[in-house]
Amino acid sequence: MSRFGFTAHAESDIEGLTRYLQGLPVIPARRIWRQIQEAIANIASFPYHAPVDSSLSHVAHYNVHRLVCGDYLLFYHPGEPFPIILGVLHGKRDIGSIMLRRLR
Protein backbone atom coordinates (compact mmCIF):
# COMPACT_ATOMS: atom_id res chain seq x y z
CA MET A 1 0.00 0.00 0.00
CA SER A 2 1.39 3.39 -0.99
CA ARG A 3 1.42 6.08 1.67
CA PHE A 4 1.96 9.82 1.72
CA GLY A 5 1.63 12.73 4.12
CA PHE A 6 0.67 16.39 3.96
CA THR A 7 2.19 19.46 5.54
CA ALA A 8 -0.25 21.83 7.27
CA HIS A 9 0.04 24.17 4.25
CA ALA A 10 -0.83 21.35 1.84
CA GLU A 11 -3.81 20.36 3.99
CA SER A 12 -4.97 23.98 3.83
CA ASP A 13 -4.53 23.94 0.03
CA ILE A 14 -6.71 20.81 -0.20
CA GLU A 15 -9.36 22.40 2.02
CA GLY A 16 -9.38 25.51 -0.18
CA LEU A 17 -9.58 23.40 -3.32
CA THR A 18 -12.49 21.44 -1.84
CA ARG A 19 -14.38 24.68 -1.09
CA TYR A 20 -13.68 25.94 -4.62
CA LEU A 21 -14.86 22.69 -6.22
CA GLN A 22 -18.12 22.83 -4.26
CA GLY A 23 -18.99 25.96 -6.26
CA LEU A 24 -18.42 24.31 -9.63
CA PRO A 25 -20.79 22.12 -11.62
CA VAL A 26 -20.49 18.48 -10.58
CA ILE A 27 -18.81 17.06 -13.68
CA PRO A 28 -15.84 19.48 -13.86
CA ALA A 29 -15.45 19.39 -10.08
CA ARG A 30 -15.23 15.59 -10.10
CA ARG A 31 -12.76 15.65 -13.00
CA ILE A 32 -10.43 18.08 -11.20
CA TRP A 33 -10.69 16.18 -7.91
CA ARG A 34 -10.01 12.85 -9.64
CA GLN A 35 -6.94 14.32 -11.39
CA ILE A 36 -5.56 15.55 -8.05
CA GLN A 37 -6.24 12.19 -6.39
CA GLU A 38 -4.53 10.32 -9.23
CA ALA A 39 -1.54 12.65 -9.10
CA ILE A 40 -1.15 12.08 -5.35
CA ALA A 41 -1.47 8.32 -5.84
CA ASN A 42 1.26 8.51 -8.49
CA ILE A 43 3.48 10.49 -6.13
CA ALA A 44 2.94 7.85 -3.45
CA SER A 45 3.77 5.01 -5.86
CA PHE A 46 6.56 6.69 -7.85
CA PRO A 47 7.98 9.51 -5.72
CA TYR A 48 10.98 10.20 -7.94
CA HIS A 49 9.25 10.44 -11.33
CA ALA A 50 8.49 14.18 -11.32
CA PRO A 51 11.31 16.66 -11.93
CA VAL A 52 13.12 18.37 -9.09
CA ASP A 53 12.49 22.11 -8.78
CA SER A 54 16.07 23.27 -8.28
CA SER A 55 15.24 26.79 -7.05
CA LEU A 56 12.87 25.51 -4.34
CA SER A 57 15.23 22.66 -3.46
CA HIS A 58 18.04 25.17 -2.95
CA VAL A 59 15.94 27.11 -0.45
CA ALA A 60 14.57 24.02 1.32
CA HIS A 61 17.94 22.20 1.44
CA TYR A 62 16.21 19.01 0.28
CA ASN A 63 14.75 17.89 -3.05
CA VAL A 64 11.39 19.46 -3.85
CA HIS A 65 9.66 17.87 -6.83
CA ARG A 66 7.04 19.61 -8.98
CA LEU A 67 4.25 17.67 -10.66
CA VAL A 68 1.89 19.35 -13.14
CA CYS A 69 -1.70 18.18 -12.81
CA GLY A 70 -4.01 20.03 -15.19
CA ASP A 71 -4.16 23.63 -13.97
CA TYR A 72 -2.58 22.68 -10.63
CA LEU A 73 0.97 22.13 -9.46
CA LEU A 74 1.79 19.67 -6.72
CA PHE A 75 5.00 20.15 -4.76
CA TYR A 76 6.39 17.36 -2.66
CA HIS A 77 9.45 15.85 -1.04
CA PRO A 78 10.00 12.13 -1.73
CA GLY A 79 10.83 11.67 1.96
CA GLU A 80 11.37 8.57 4.01
CA PRO A 81 9.43 6.44 4.71
CA PHE A 82 6.89 8.12 2.39
CA PRO A 83 6.45 11.28 0.28
CA ILE A 84 5.25 14.50 1.89
CA ILE A 85 2.98 16.78 -0.13
CA LEU A 86 4.14 20.38 0.41
CA GLY A 87 1.61 22.25 -1.70
CA VAL A 88 -1.28 21.93 -4.15
CA LEU A 89 -1.56 25.26 -5.94
CA HIS A 90 -3.37 26.57 -8.99
CA GLY A 91 -0.92 27.56 -11.70
CA LYS A 92 -2.19 31.14 -11.84
CA ARG A 93 -1.16 31.83 -8.26
CA ASP A 94 2.20 33.37 -7.38
CA ILE A 95 3.76 29.92 -7.00
CA GLY A 96 7.32 31.11 -6.42
CA SER A 97 6.46 33.49 -3.58
CA ILE A 98 4.06 31.10 -1.88
CA MET A 99 6.40 28.12 -1.95
CA LEU A 100 9.48 30.16 -1.00
CA ARG A 101 7.64 31.46 2.10
CA ARG A 102 6.60 27.94 3.02
CA LEU A 103 10.07 26.48 2.65
CA ARG A 104 12.04 29.10 4.58
PDB file of N, CA and C in Angstrom:
ATOM      1  N   MET A   1       0.843  -1.184   0.000  1.00  0.00           N
ATOM      2  CA  MET A   1       0.000   0.000   0.000  1.00  0.00           C
ATOM      3  C   MET A   1       0.884   1.243   0.000  1.00  0.00           C
ATOM      4  N   SER A   2       0.628   2.150  -0.901  1.00  0.00           N
ATOM      5  CA  SER A   2       1.389   3.393  -0.986  1.00  0.00           C
ATOM      6  C   SER A   2       0.863   4.390   0.028  1.00  0.00           C
ATOM      7  N   ARG A   3       1.813   5.083   0.671  1.00  0.00           N
ATOM      8  CA  ARG A   3       1.421   6.082   1.671  1.00  0.00           C
ATOM      9  C   ARG A   3       2.017   7.427   1.295  1.00  0.00           C
ATOM     10  N   PHE A   4       1.466   8.469   1.900  1.00  0.00           N
ATOM     11  CA  PHE A   4       1.961   9.819   1.720  1.00  0.00           C
ATOM     12  C   PHE A   4       1.472  10.646   2.891  1.00  0.00           C
ATOM     13  N   GLY A   5       2.058  11.816   3.058  1.00  0.00           N
ATOM     14  CA  GLY A   5       1.634  12.726   4.116  1.00  0.00           C
ATOM     15  C   GLY A   5       1.466  14.123   3.546  1.00  0.00           C
ATOM     16  N   PHE A   6       0.895  15.002   4.354  1.00  0.00           N
ATOM     17  CA  PHE A   6       0.675  16.388   3.964  1.00  0.00           C
ATOM     18  C   PHE A   6       1.252  17.308   5.027  1.00  0.00           C
ATOM     19  N   THR A   7       1.845  18.408   4.595  1.00  0.00           N
ATOM     20  CA  THR A   7       2.185  19.464   5.543  1.00  0.00           C
ATOM     21  C   THR A   7       0.891  20.201   5.880  1.00  0.00           C
ATOM     22  N   ALA A   8       0.933  21.031   6.907  1.00  0.00           N
ATOM     23  CA  ALA A   8      -0.247  21.833   7.267  1.00  0.00           C
ATOM     24  C   ALA A   8      -0.641  22.753   6.112  1.00  0.00           C
ATOM     25  N   HIS A   9       0.346  23.302   5.396  1.00  0.00           N
ATOM     26  CA  HIS A   9       0.043  24.168   4.248  1.00  0.00           C
ATOM     27  C   HIS A   9      -0.668  23.378   3.153  1.00  0.00           C
ATOM     28  N   ALA A  10      -0.200  22.172   2.877  1.00  0.00           N
ATOM     29  CA  ALA A  10      -0.829  21.353   1.842  1.00  0.00           C
ATOM     30  C   ALA A  10      -2.249  20.965   2.246  1.00  0.00           C
ATOM     31  N   GLU A  11      -2.456  20.664   3.512  1.00  0.00           N
ATOM     32  CA  GLU A  11      -3.811  20.364   3.986  1.00  0.00           C
ATOM     33  C   GLU A  11      -4.718  21.562   3.766  1.00  0.00           C
ATOM     34  N   SER A  12      -4.204  22.759   4.044  1.00  0.00           N
ATOM     35  CA  SER A  12      -4.966  23.981   3.826  1.00  0.00           C
ATOM     36  C   SER A  12      -5.269  24.171   2.337  1.00  0.00           C
ATOM     37  N   ASP A  13      -4.298  23.857   1.486  1.00  0.00           N
ATOM     38  CA  ASP A  13      -4.527  23.937   0.033  1.00  0.00           C
ATOM     39  C   ASP A  13      -5.661  23.014  -0.387  1.00  0.00           C
ATOM     40  N   ILE A  14      -5.660  21.789   0.135  1.00  0.00           N
ATOM     41  CA  ILE A  14      -6.707  20.813  -0.204  1.00  0.00           C
ATOM     42  C   ILE A  14      -8.062  21.297   0.299  1.00  0.00           C
ATOM     43  N   GLU A  15      -8.105  21.861   1.498  1.00  0.00           N
ATOM     44  CA  GLU A  15      -9.359  22.396   2.024  1.00  0.00           C
ATOM     45  C   GLU A  15      -9.873  23.528   1.142  1.00  0.00           C
ATOM     46  N   GLY A  16      -8.984  24.420   0.709  1.00  0.00           N
ATOM     47  CA  GLY A  16      -9.379  25.513  -0.180  1.00  0.00           C
ATOM     48  C   GLY A  16      -9.862  25.000  -1.522  1.00  0.00           C
ATOM     49  N   LEU A  17      -9.174  23.997  -2.054  1.00  0.00           N
ATOM     50  CA  LEU A  17      -9.577  23.396  -3.318  1.00  0.00           C
ATOM     51  C   LEU A  17     -10.953  22.746  -3.184  1.00  0.00           C
ATOM     52  N   THR A  18     -11.186  22.083  -2.080  1.00  0.00           N
ATOM     53  CA  THR A  18     -12.486  21.442  -1.840  1.00  0.00           C
ATOM     54  C   THR A  18     -13.599  22.487  -1.818  1.00  0.00           C
ATOM     55  N   ARG A  19     -13.370  23.604  -1.125  1.00  0.00           N
ATOM     56  CA  ARG A  19     -14.378  24.681  -1.093  1.00  0.00           C
ATOM     57  C   ARG A  19     -14.630  25.234  -2.500  1.00  0.00           C
ATOM     58  N   TYR A  20     -13.551  25.427  -3.255  1.00  0.00           N
ATOM     59  CA  TYR A  20     -13.677  25.940  -4.620  1.00  0.00           C
ATOM     60  C   TYR A  20     -14.482  24.968  -5.486  1.00  0.00           C
ATOM     61  N   LEU A  21     -14.180  23.690  -5.391  1.00  0.00           N
ATOM     62  CA  LEU A  21     -14.862  22.694  -6.220  1.00  0.00           C
ATOM     63  C   LEU A  21     -16.340  22.595  -5.884  1.00  0.00           C
ATOM     64  N   GLN A  22     -16.712  22.875  -4.650  1.00  0.00           N
ATOM     65  CA  GLN A  22     -18.122  22.829  -4.265  1.00  0.00           C
ATOM     66  C   GLN A  22     -18.947  23.875  -5.010  1.00  0.00           C
ATOM     67  N   GLY A  23     -18.291  24.920  -5.505  1.00  0.00           N
ATOM     68  CA  GLY A  23     -18.986  25.961  -6.257  1.00  0.00           C
ATOM     69  C   GLY A  23     -19.049  25.704  -7.749  1.00  0.00           C
ATOM     70  N   LEU A  24     -18.424  24.644  -8.201  1.00  0.00           N
ATOM     71  CA  LEU A  24     -18.418  24.306  -9.626  1.00  0.00           C
ATOM     72  C   LEU A  24     -19.516  23.297  -9.948  1.00  0.00           C
ATOM     73  N   PRO A  25     -19.885  23.204 -11.223  1.00  0.00           N
ATOM     74  CA  PRO A  25     -20.786  22.122 -11.624  1.00  0.00           C
ATOM     75  C   PRO A  25     -20.136  20.770 -11.297  1.00  0.00           C
ATOM     76  N   VAL A  26     -20.954  19.779 -11.071  1.00  0.00           N
ATOM     77  CA  VAL A  26     -20.491  18.479 -10.578  1.00  0.00           C
ATOM     78  C   VAL A  26     -19.461  17.823 -11.494  1.00  0.00           C
ATOM     79  N   ILE A  27     -19.704  17.799 -12.775  1.00  0.00           N
ATOM     80  CA  ILE A  27     -18.807  17.064 -13.675  1.00  0.00           C
ATOM     81  C   ILE A  27     -17.396  17.651 -13.693  1.00  0.00           C
ATOM     82  N   PRO A  28     -17.218  18.973 -13.897  1.00  0.00           N
ATOM     83  CA  PRO A  28     -15.843  19.482 -13.861  1.00  0.00           C
ATOM     84  C   PRO A  28     -15.200  19.359 -12.475  1.00  0.00           C
ATOM     85  N   ALA A  29     -15.993  19.518 -11.433  1.00  0.00           N
ATOM     86  CA  ALA A  29     -15.448  19.390 -10.078  1.00  0.00           C
ATOM     87  C   ALA A  29     -14.924  17.979  -9.843  1.00  0.00           C
ATOM     88  N   ARG A  30     -15.680  16.992 -10.254  1.00  0.00           N
ATOM     89  CA  ARG A  30     -15.234  15.595 -10.103  1.00  0.00           C
ATOM     90  C   ARG A  30     -13.980  15.311 -10.924  1.00  0.00           C
ATOM     91  N   ARG A  31     -13.925  15.869 -12.134  1.00  0.00           N
ATOM     92  CA  ARG A  31     -12.760  15.654 -12.999  1.00  0.00           C
ATOM     93  C   ARG A  31     -11.503  16.224 -12.351  1.00  0.00           C
ATOM     94  N   ILE A  32     -11.592  17.445 -11.851  1.00  0.00           N
ATOM     95  CA  ILE A  32     -10.434  18.076 -11.202  1.00  0.00           C
ATOM     96  C   ILE A  32     -10.025  17.282  -9.971  1.00  0.00           C
ATOM     97  N   TRP A  33     -10.995  16.922  -9.147  1.00  0.00           N
ATOM     98  CA  TRP A  33     -10.691  16.181  -7.913  1.00  0.00           C
ATOM     99  C   TRP A  33     -10.053  14.832  -8.235  1.00  0.00           C
ATOM    100  N   ARG A  34     -10.572  14.152  -9.243  1.00  0.00           N
ATOM    101  CA  ARG A  34     -10.010  12.851  -9.644  1.00  0.00           C
ATOM    102  C   ARG A  34      -8.574  13.016 -10.131  1.00  0.00           C
ATOM    103  N   GLN A  35      -8.307  14.069 -10.918  1.00  0.00           N
ATOM    104  CA  GLN A  35      -6.940  14.317 -11.387  1.00  0.00           C
ATOM    105  C   GLN A  35      -5.982  14.527 -10.219  1.00  0.00           C
ATOM    106  N   ILE A  36      -6.409  15.294  -9.234  1.00  0.00           N
ATOM    107  CA  ILE A  36      -5.560  15.551  -8.052  1.00  0.00           C
ATOM    108  C   ILE A  36      -5.331  14.249  -7.297  1.00  0.00           C
ATOM    109  N   GLN A  37      -6.387  13.461  -7.090  1.00  0.00           N
ATOM    110  CA  GLN A  37      -6.243  12.186  -6.391  1.00  0.00           C
ATOM    111  C   GLN A  37      -5.288  11.251  -7.123  1.00  0.00           C
ATOM    112  N   GLU A  38      -5.417  11.180  -8.448  1.00  0.00           N
ATOM    113  CA  GLU A  38      -4.533  10.320  -9.231  1.00  0.00           C
ATOM    114  C   GLU A  38      -3.090  10.802  -9.167  1.00  0.00           C
ATOM    115  N   ALA A  39      -2.893  12.111  -9.192  1.00  0.00           N
ATOM    116  CA  ALA A  39      -1.535  12.655  -9.100  1.00  0.00           C
ATOM    117  C   ALA A  39      -0.904  12.300  -7.748  1.00  0.00           C
ATOM    118  N   ILE A  40      -1.673  12.415  -6.679  1.00  0.00           N
ATOM    119  CA  ILE A  40      -1.155  12.082  -5.349  1.00  0.00           C
ATOM    120  C   ILE A  40      -0.864  10.587  -5.251  1.00  0.00           C
ATOM    121  N   ALA A  41      -1.729   9.762  -5.832  1.00  0.00           N
ATOM    122  CA  ALA A  41      -1.467   8.317  -5.838  1.00  0.00           C
ATOM    123  C   ALA A  41      -0.191   8.003  -6.610  1.00  0.00           C
ATOM    124  N   ASN A  42       0.034   8.705  -7.719  1.00  0.00           N
ATOM    125  CA  ASN A  42       1.257   8.506  -8.489  1.00  0.00           C
ATOM    126  C   ASN A  42       2.489   8.939  -7.699  1.00  0.00           C
ATOM    127  N   ILE A  43       2.374  10.039  -6.977  1.00  0.00           N
ATOM    128  CA  ILE A  43       3.485  10.487  -6.130  1.00  0.00           C
ATOM    129  C   ILE A  43       3.788   9.421  -5.090  1.00  0.00           C
ATOM    130  N   ALA A  44       2.748   8.870  -4.482  1.00  0.00           N
ATOM    131  CA  ALA A  44       2.943   7.848  -3.452  1.00  0.00           C
ATOM    132  C   ALA A  44       3.603   6.602  -4.033  1.00  0.00           C
ATOM    133  N   SER A  45       3.229   6.224  -5.247  1.00  0.00           N
ATOM    134  CA  SER A  45       3.770   5.012  -5.864  1.00  0.00           C
ATOM    135  C   SER A  45       5.128   5.220  -6.526  1.00  0.00           C
ATOM    136  N   PHE A  46       5.337   6.399  -7.097  1.00  0.00           N
ATOM    137  CA  PHE A  46       6.560   6.692  -7.853  1.00  0.00           C
ATOM    138  C   PHE A  46       7.101   8.062  -7.445  1.00  0.00           C
ATOM    139  N   PRO A  47       7.626   8.189  -6.238  1.00  0.00           N
ATOM    140  CA  PRO A  47       7.980   9.512  -5.716  1.00  0.00           C
ATOM    141  C   PRO A  47       9.110  10.239  -6.447  1.00  0.00           C
ATOM    142  N   TYR A  48       9.865   9.543  -7.271  1.00  0.00           N
ATOM    143  CA  TYR A  48      10.982  10.201  -7.942  1.00  0.00           C
ATOM    144  C   TYR A  48      10.718  10.492  -9.420  1.00  0.00           C
ATOM    145  N   HIS A  49       9.495  10.283  -9.899  1.00  0.00           N
ATOM    146  CA  HIS A  49       9.250  10.437 -11.328  1.00  0.00           C
ATOM    147  C   HIS A  49       9.090  11.887 -11.778  1.00  0.00           C
ATOM    148  N   ALA A  50       8.659  12.775 -10.927  1.00  0.00           N
ATOM    149  CA  ALA A  50       8.492  14.179 -11.315  1.00  0.00           C
ATOM    150  C   ALA A  50       9.830  14.909 -11.182  1.00  0.00           C
ATOM    151  N   PRO A  51      10.037  15.941 -11.985  1.00  0.00           N
ATOM    152  CA  PRO A  51      11.309  16.659 -11.929  1.00  0.00           C
ATOM    153  C   PRO A  51      11.494  17.422 -10.621  1.00  0.00           C
ATOM    154  N   VAL A  52      12.760  17.589 -10.274  1.00  0.00           N
ATOM    155  CA  VAL A  52      13.123  18.372  -9.094  1.00  0.00           C
ATOM    156  C   VAL A  52      13.062  19.848  -9.468  1.00  0.00           C
ATOM    157  N   ASP A  53      12.485  20.659  -8.605  1.00  0.00           N
ATOM    158  CA  ASP A  53      12.486  22.107  -8.779  1.00  0.00           C
ATOM    159  C   ASP A  53      13.744  22.622  -8.088  1.00  0.00           C
ATOM    160  N   SER A  54      14.764  22.940  -8.866  1.00  0.00           N
ATOM    161  CA  SER A  54      16.066  23.274  -8.284  1.00  0.00           C
ATOM    162  C   SER A  54      16.035  24.545  -7.450  1.00  0.00           C
ATOM    163  N   SER A  55      15.263  25.554  -7.838  1.00  0.00           N
ATOM    164  CA  SER A  55      15.236  26.790  -7.053  1.00  0.00           C
ATOM    165  C   SER A  55      14.591  26.569  -5.688  1.00  0.00           C
ATOM    166  N   LEU A  56      13.503  25.794  -5.637  1.00  0.00           N
ATOM    167  CA  LEU A  56      12.872  25.509  -4.345  1.00  0.00           C
ATOM    168  C   LEU A  56      13.725  24.554  -3.518  1.00  0.00           C
ATOM    169  N   SER A  57      14.365  23.604  -4.174  1.00  0.00           N
ATOM    170  CA  SER A  57      15.230  22.662  -3.462  1.00  0.00           C
ATOM    171  C   SER A  57      16.402  23.386  -2.816  1.00  0.00           C
ATOM    172  N   HIS A  58      16.920  24.390  -3.501  1.00  0.00           N
ATOM    173  CA  HIS A  58      18.042  25.166  -2.954  1.00  0.00           C
ATOM    174  C   HIS A  58      17.634  25.866  -1.653  1.00  0.00           C
ATOM    175  N   VAL A  59      16.438  26.422  -1.642  1.00  0.00           N
ATOM    176  CA  VAL A  59      15.943  27.114  -0.448  1.00  0.00           C
ATOM    177  C   VAL A  59      15.627  26.123   0.668  1.00  0.00           C
ATOM    178  N   ALA A  60      15.009  25.001   0.314  1.00  0.00           N
ATOM    179  CA  ALA A  60      14.572  24.022   1.316  1.00  0.00           C
ATOM    180  C   ALA A  60      15.721  23.176   1.858  1.00  0.00           C
ATOM    181  N   HIS A  61      16.805  23.063   1.089  1.00  0.00           N
ATOM    182  CA  HIS A  61      17.942  22.199   1.441  1.00  0.00           C
ATOM    183  C   HIS A  61      17.570  20.717   1.386  1.00  0.00           C
ATOM    184  N   TYR A  62      16.563  20.387   0.607  1.00  0.00           N
ATOM    185  CA  TYR A  62      16.208  19.009   0.278  1.00  0.00           C
ATOM    186  C   TYR A  62      15.478  19.056  -1.059  1.00  0.00           C
ATOM    187  N   ASN A  63      15.372  17.915  -1.730  1.00  0.00           N
ATOM    188  CA  ASN A  63      14.745  17.889  -3.051  1.00  0.00           C
ATOM    189  C   ASN A  63      13.245  18.138  -2.968  1.00  0.00           C
ATOM    190  N   VAL A  64      12.812  19.152  -3.704  1.00  0.00           N
ATOM    191  CA  VAL A  64      11.394  19.463  -3.847  1.00  0.00           C
ATOM    192  C   VAL A  64      11.037  19.161  -5.298  1.00  0.00           C
ATOM    193  N   HIS A  65      10.096  18.252  -5.487  1.00  0.00           N
ATOM    194  CA  HIS A  65       9.657  17.870  -6.827  1.00  0.00           C
ATOM    195  C   HIS A  65       8.391  18.638  -7.170  1.00  0.00           C
ATOM    196  N   ARG A  66       8.203  18.869  -8.474  1.00  0.00           N
ATOM    197  CA  ARG A  66       7.043  19.613  -8.981  1.00  0.00           C
ATOM    198  C   ARG A  66       6.329  18.740  -9.997  1.00  0.00           C
ATOM    199  N   LEU A  67       5.055  18.477  -9.751  1.00  0.00           N
ATOM    200  CA  LEU A  67       4.249  17.666 -10.662  1.00  0.00           C
ATOM    201  C   LEU A  67       3.094  18.510 -11.194  1.00  0.00           C
ATOM    202  N   VAL A  68       2.986  18.614 -12.506  1.00  0.00           N
ATOM    203  CA  VAL A  68       1.893  19.353 -13.140  1.00  0.00           C
ATOM    204  C   VAL A  68       0.688  18.430 -13.236  1.00  0.00           C
ATOM    205  N   CYS A  69      -0.451  18.952 -12.804  1.00  0.00           N
ATOM    206  CA  CYS A  69      -1.699  18.181 -12.805  1.00  0.00           C
ATOM    207  C   CYS A  69      -2.808  19.099 -13.307  1.00  0.00           C
ATOM    208  N   GLY A  70      -3.020  19.118 -14.617  1.00  0.00           N
ATOM    209  CA  GLY A  70      -4.009  20.026 -15.189  1.00  0.00           C
ATOM    210  C   GLY A  70      -3.582  21.458 -14.926  1.00  0.00           C
ATOM    211  N   ASP A  71      -4.466  22.240 -14.305  1.00  0.00           N
ATOM    212  CA  ASP A  71      -4.163  23.629 -13.969  1.00  0.00           C
ATOM    213  C   ASP A  71      -3.453  23.767 -12.627  1.00  0.00           C
ATOM    214  N   TYR A  72      -3.174  22.662 -11.972  1.00  0.00           N
ATOM    215  CA  TYR A  72      -2.583  22.679 -10.633  1.00  0.00           C
ATOM    216  C   TYR A  72      -1.152  22.158 -10.652  1.00  0.00           C
ATOM    217  N   LEU A  73      -0.393  22.606  -9.672  1.00  0.00           N
ATOM    218  CA  LEU A  73       0.967  22.125  -9.456  1.00  0.00           C
ATOM    219  C   LEU A  73       1.016  21.507  -8.075  1.00  0.00           C
ATOM    220  N   LEU A  74       1.593  20.332  -8.004  1.00  0.00           N
ATOM    221  CA  LEU A  74       1.791  19.667  -6.715  1.00  0.00           C
ATOM    222  C   LEU A  74       3.276  19.679  -6.414  1.00  0.00           C
ATOM    223  N   PHE A  75       3.619  20.119  -5.216  1.00  0.00           N
ATOM    224  CA  PHE A  75       4.998  20.151  -4.759  1.00  0.00           C
ATOM    225  C   PHE A  75       5.125  19.140  -3.644  1.00  0.00           C
ATOM    226  N   TYR A  76       6.225  18.380  -3.672  1.00  0.00           N
ATOM    227  CA  TYR A  76       6.390  17.360  -2.657  1.00  0.00           C
ATOM    228  C   TYR A  76       7.856  17.016  -2.470  1.00  0.00           C
ATOM    229  N   HIS A  77       8.129  16.376  -1.350  1.00  0.00           N
ATOM    230  CA  HIS A  77       9.447  15.850  -1.037  1.00  0.00           C
ATOM    231  C   HIS A  77       9.295  14.334  -0.979  1.00  0.00           C
ATOM    232  N   PRO A  78      10.151  13.587  -1.724  1.00  0.00           N
ATOM    233  CA  PRO A  78      10.000  12.127  -1.728  1.00  0.00           C
ATOM    234  C   PRO A  78      10.031  11.509  -0.334  1.00  0.00           C
ATOM    235  N   GLY A  79      10.830  12.058   0.553  1.00  0.00           N
ATOM    236  CA  GLY A  79      10.828  11.670   1.958  1.00  0.00           C
ATOM    237  C   GLY A  79      11.009  10.196   2.251  1.00  0.00           C
ATOM    238  N   GLU A  80      11.261   9.933   3.486  1.00  0.00           N
ATOM    239  CA  GLU A  80      11.366   8.569   4.012  1.00  0.00           C
ATOM    240  C   GLU A  80      10.553   8.527   5.292  1.00  0.00           C
ATOM    241  N   PRO A  81       9.694   7.646   5.501  1.00  0.00           N
ATOM    242  CA  PRO A  81       9.427   6.441   4.705  1.00  0.00           C
ATOM    243  C   PRO A  81       8.411   6.659   3.579  1.00  0.00           C
ATOM    244  N   PHE A  82       7.865   7.876   3.441  1.00  0.00           N
ATOM    245  CA  PHE A  82       6.887   8.119   2.387  1.00  0.00           C
ATOM    246  C   PHE A  82       6.944   9.584   1.968  1.00  0.00           C
ATOM    247  N   PRO A  83       6.433   9.899   0.769  1.00  0.00           N
ATOM    248  CA  PRO A  83       6.453  11.280   0.279  1.00  0.00           C
ATOM    249  C   PRO A  83       5.576  12.203   1.120  1.00  0.00           C
ATOM    250  N   ILE A  84       6.002  13.465   1.182  1.00  0.00           N
ATOM    251  CA  ILE A  84       5.251  14.497   1.890  1.00  0.00           C
ATOM    252  C   ILE A  84       4.818  15.547   0.869  1.00  0.00           C
ATOM    253  N   ILE A  85       3.516  15.761   0.764  1.00  0.00           N
ATOM    254  CA  ILE A  85       2.975  16.783  -0.132  1.00  0.00           C
ATOM    255  C   ILE A  85       3.165  18.133   0.553  1.00  0.00           C
ATOM    256  N   LEU A  86       3.824  19.059  -0.141  1.00  0.00           N
ATOM    257  CA  LEU A  86       4.136  20.379   0.415  1.00  0.00           C
ATOM    258  C   LEU A  86       3.152  21.445  -0.036  1.00  0.00           C
ATOM    259  N   GLY A  87       2.535  21.250  -1.190  1.00  0.00           N
ATOM    260  CA  GLY A  87       1.614  22.246  -1.698  1.00  0.00           C
ATOM    261  C   GLY A  87       0.830  21.738  -2.885  1.00  0.00           C
ATOM    262  N   VAL A  88      -0.405  22.214  -3.002  1.00  0.00           N
ATOM    263  CA  VAL A  88      -1.281  21.926  -4.145  1.00  0.00           C
ATOM    264  C   VAL A  88      -1.847  23.282  -4.550  1.00  0.00           C
ATOM    265  N   LEU A  89      -1.243  23.876  -5.591  1.00  0.00           N
ATOM    266  CA  LEU A  89      -1.561  25.258  -5.941  1.00  0.00           C
ATOM    267  C   LEU A  89      -1.999  25.389  -7.391  1.00  0.00           C
ATOM    268  N   HIS A  90      -2.960  26.265  -7.621  1.00  0.00           N
ATOM    269  CA  HIS A  90      -3.374  26.566  -8.987  1.00  0.00           C
ATOM    270  C   HIS A  90      -2.237  27.295  -9.682  1.00  0.00           C
ATOM    271  N   GLY A  91      -2.020  26.990 -10.944  1.00  0.00           N
ATOM    272  CA  GLY A  91      -0.919  27.555 -11.703  1.00  0.00           C
ATOM    273  C   GLY A  91      -0.951  29.054 -11.883  1.00  0.00           C
ATOM    274  N   LYS A  92      -2.097  29.687 -11.690  1.00  0.00           N
ATOM    275  CA  LYS A  92      -2.193  31.141 -11.842  1.00  0.00           C
ATOM    276  C   LYS A  92      -1.809  31.895 -10.573  1.00  0.00           C
ATOM    277  N   ARG A  93      -1.569  31.173  -9.500  1.00  0.00           N
ATOM    278  CA  ARG A  93      -1.157  31.833  -8.259  1.00  0.00           C
ATOM    279  C   ARG A  93       0.319  32.190  -8.345  1.00  0.00           C
ATOM    280  N   ASP A  94       0.788  32.991  -7.431  1.00  0.00           N
ATOM    281  CA  ASP A  94       2.202  33.368  -7.381  1.00  0.00           C
ATOM    282  C   ASP A  94       2.973  32.226  -6.715  1.00  0.00           C
ATOM    283  N   ILE A  95       3.176  31.170  -7.493  1.00  0.00           N
ATOM    284  CA  ILE A  95       3.757  29.923  -6.996  1.00  0.00           C
ATOM    285  C   ILE A  95       5.097  30.159  -6.307  1.00  0.00           C
ATOM    286  N   GLY A  96       5.983  30.888  -6.963  1.00  0.00           N
ATOM    287  CA  GLY A  96       7.318  31.108  -6.421  1.00  0.00           C
ATOM    288  C   GLY A  96       7.285  31.725  -5.034  1.00  0.00           C
ATOM    289  N   SER A  97       6.542  32.804  -4.885  1.00  0.00           N
ATOM    290  CA  SER A  97       6.462  33.491  -3.584  1.00  0.00           C
ATOM    291  C   SER A  97       5.840  32.606  -2.506  1.00  0.00           C
ATOM    292  N   ILE A  98       4.760  31.941  -2.862  1.00  0.00           N
ATOM    293  CA  ILE A  98       4.063  31.096  -1.883  1.00  0.00           C
ATOM    294  C   ILE A  98       4.976  29.979  -1.401  1.00  0.00           C
ATOM    295  N   MET A  99       5.569  29.262  -2.336  1.00  0.00           N
ATOM    296  CA  MET A  99       6.398  28.124  -1.947  1.00  0.00           C
ATOM    297  C   MET A  99       7.686  28.569  -1.251  1.00  0.00           C
ATOM    298  N   LEU A 100       8.267  29.668  -1.676  1.00  0.00           N
ATOM    299  CA  LEU A 100       9.481  30.165  -0.997  1.00  0.00           C
ATOM    300  C   LEU A 100       9.175  30.502   0.453  1.00  0.00           C
ATOM    301  N   ARG A 101       8.040  31.153   0.708  1.00  0.00           N
ATOM    302  CA  ARG A 101       7.642  31.463   2.096  1.00  0.00           C
ATOM    303  C   ARG A 101       7.466  30.182   2.913  1.00  0.00           C
ATOM    304  N   ARG A 102       6.863  29.187   2.306  1.00  0.00           N
ATOM    305  CA  ARG A 102       6.603  27.943   3.022  1.00  0.00           C
ATOM    306  C   ARG A 102       7.882  27.185   3.347  1.00  0.00           C
ATOM    307  N   LEU A 103       8.869  27.288   2.499  1.00  0.00           N
ATOM    308  CA  LEU A 103      10.072  26.478   2.652  1.00  0.00           C
ATOM    309  C   LEU A 103      11.173  27.151   3.465  1.00  0.00           C
ATOM    310  N   ARG A 104      11.019  28.398   3.794  1.00  0.00           N
ATOM    311  CA  ARG A 104      12.040  29.104   4.578  1.00  0.00           C
ATOM    312  C   ARG A 104      11.910  28.797   6.031  1.00  0.00           C
TER     313      ARG A 104
END
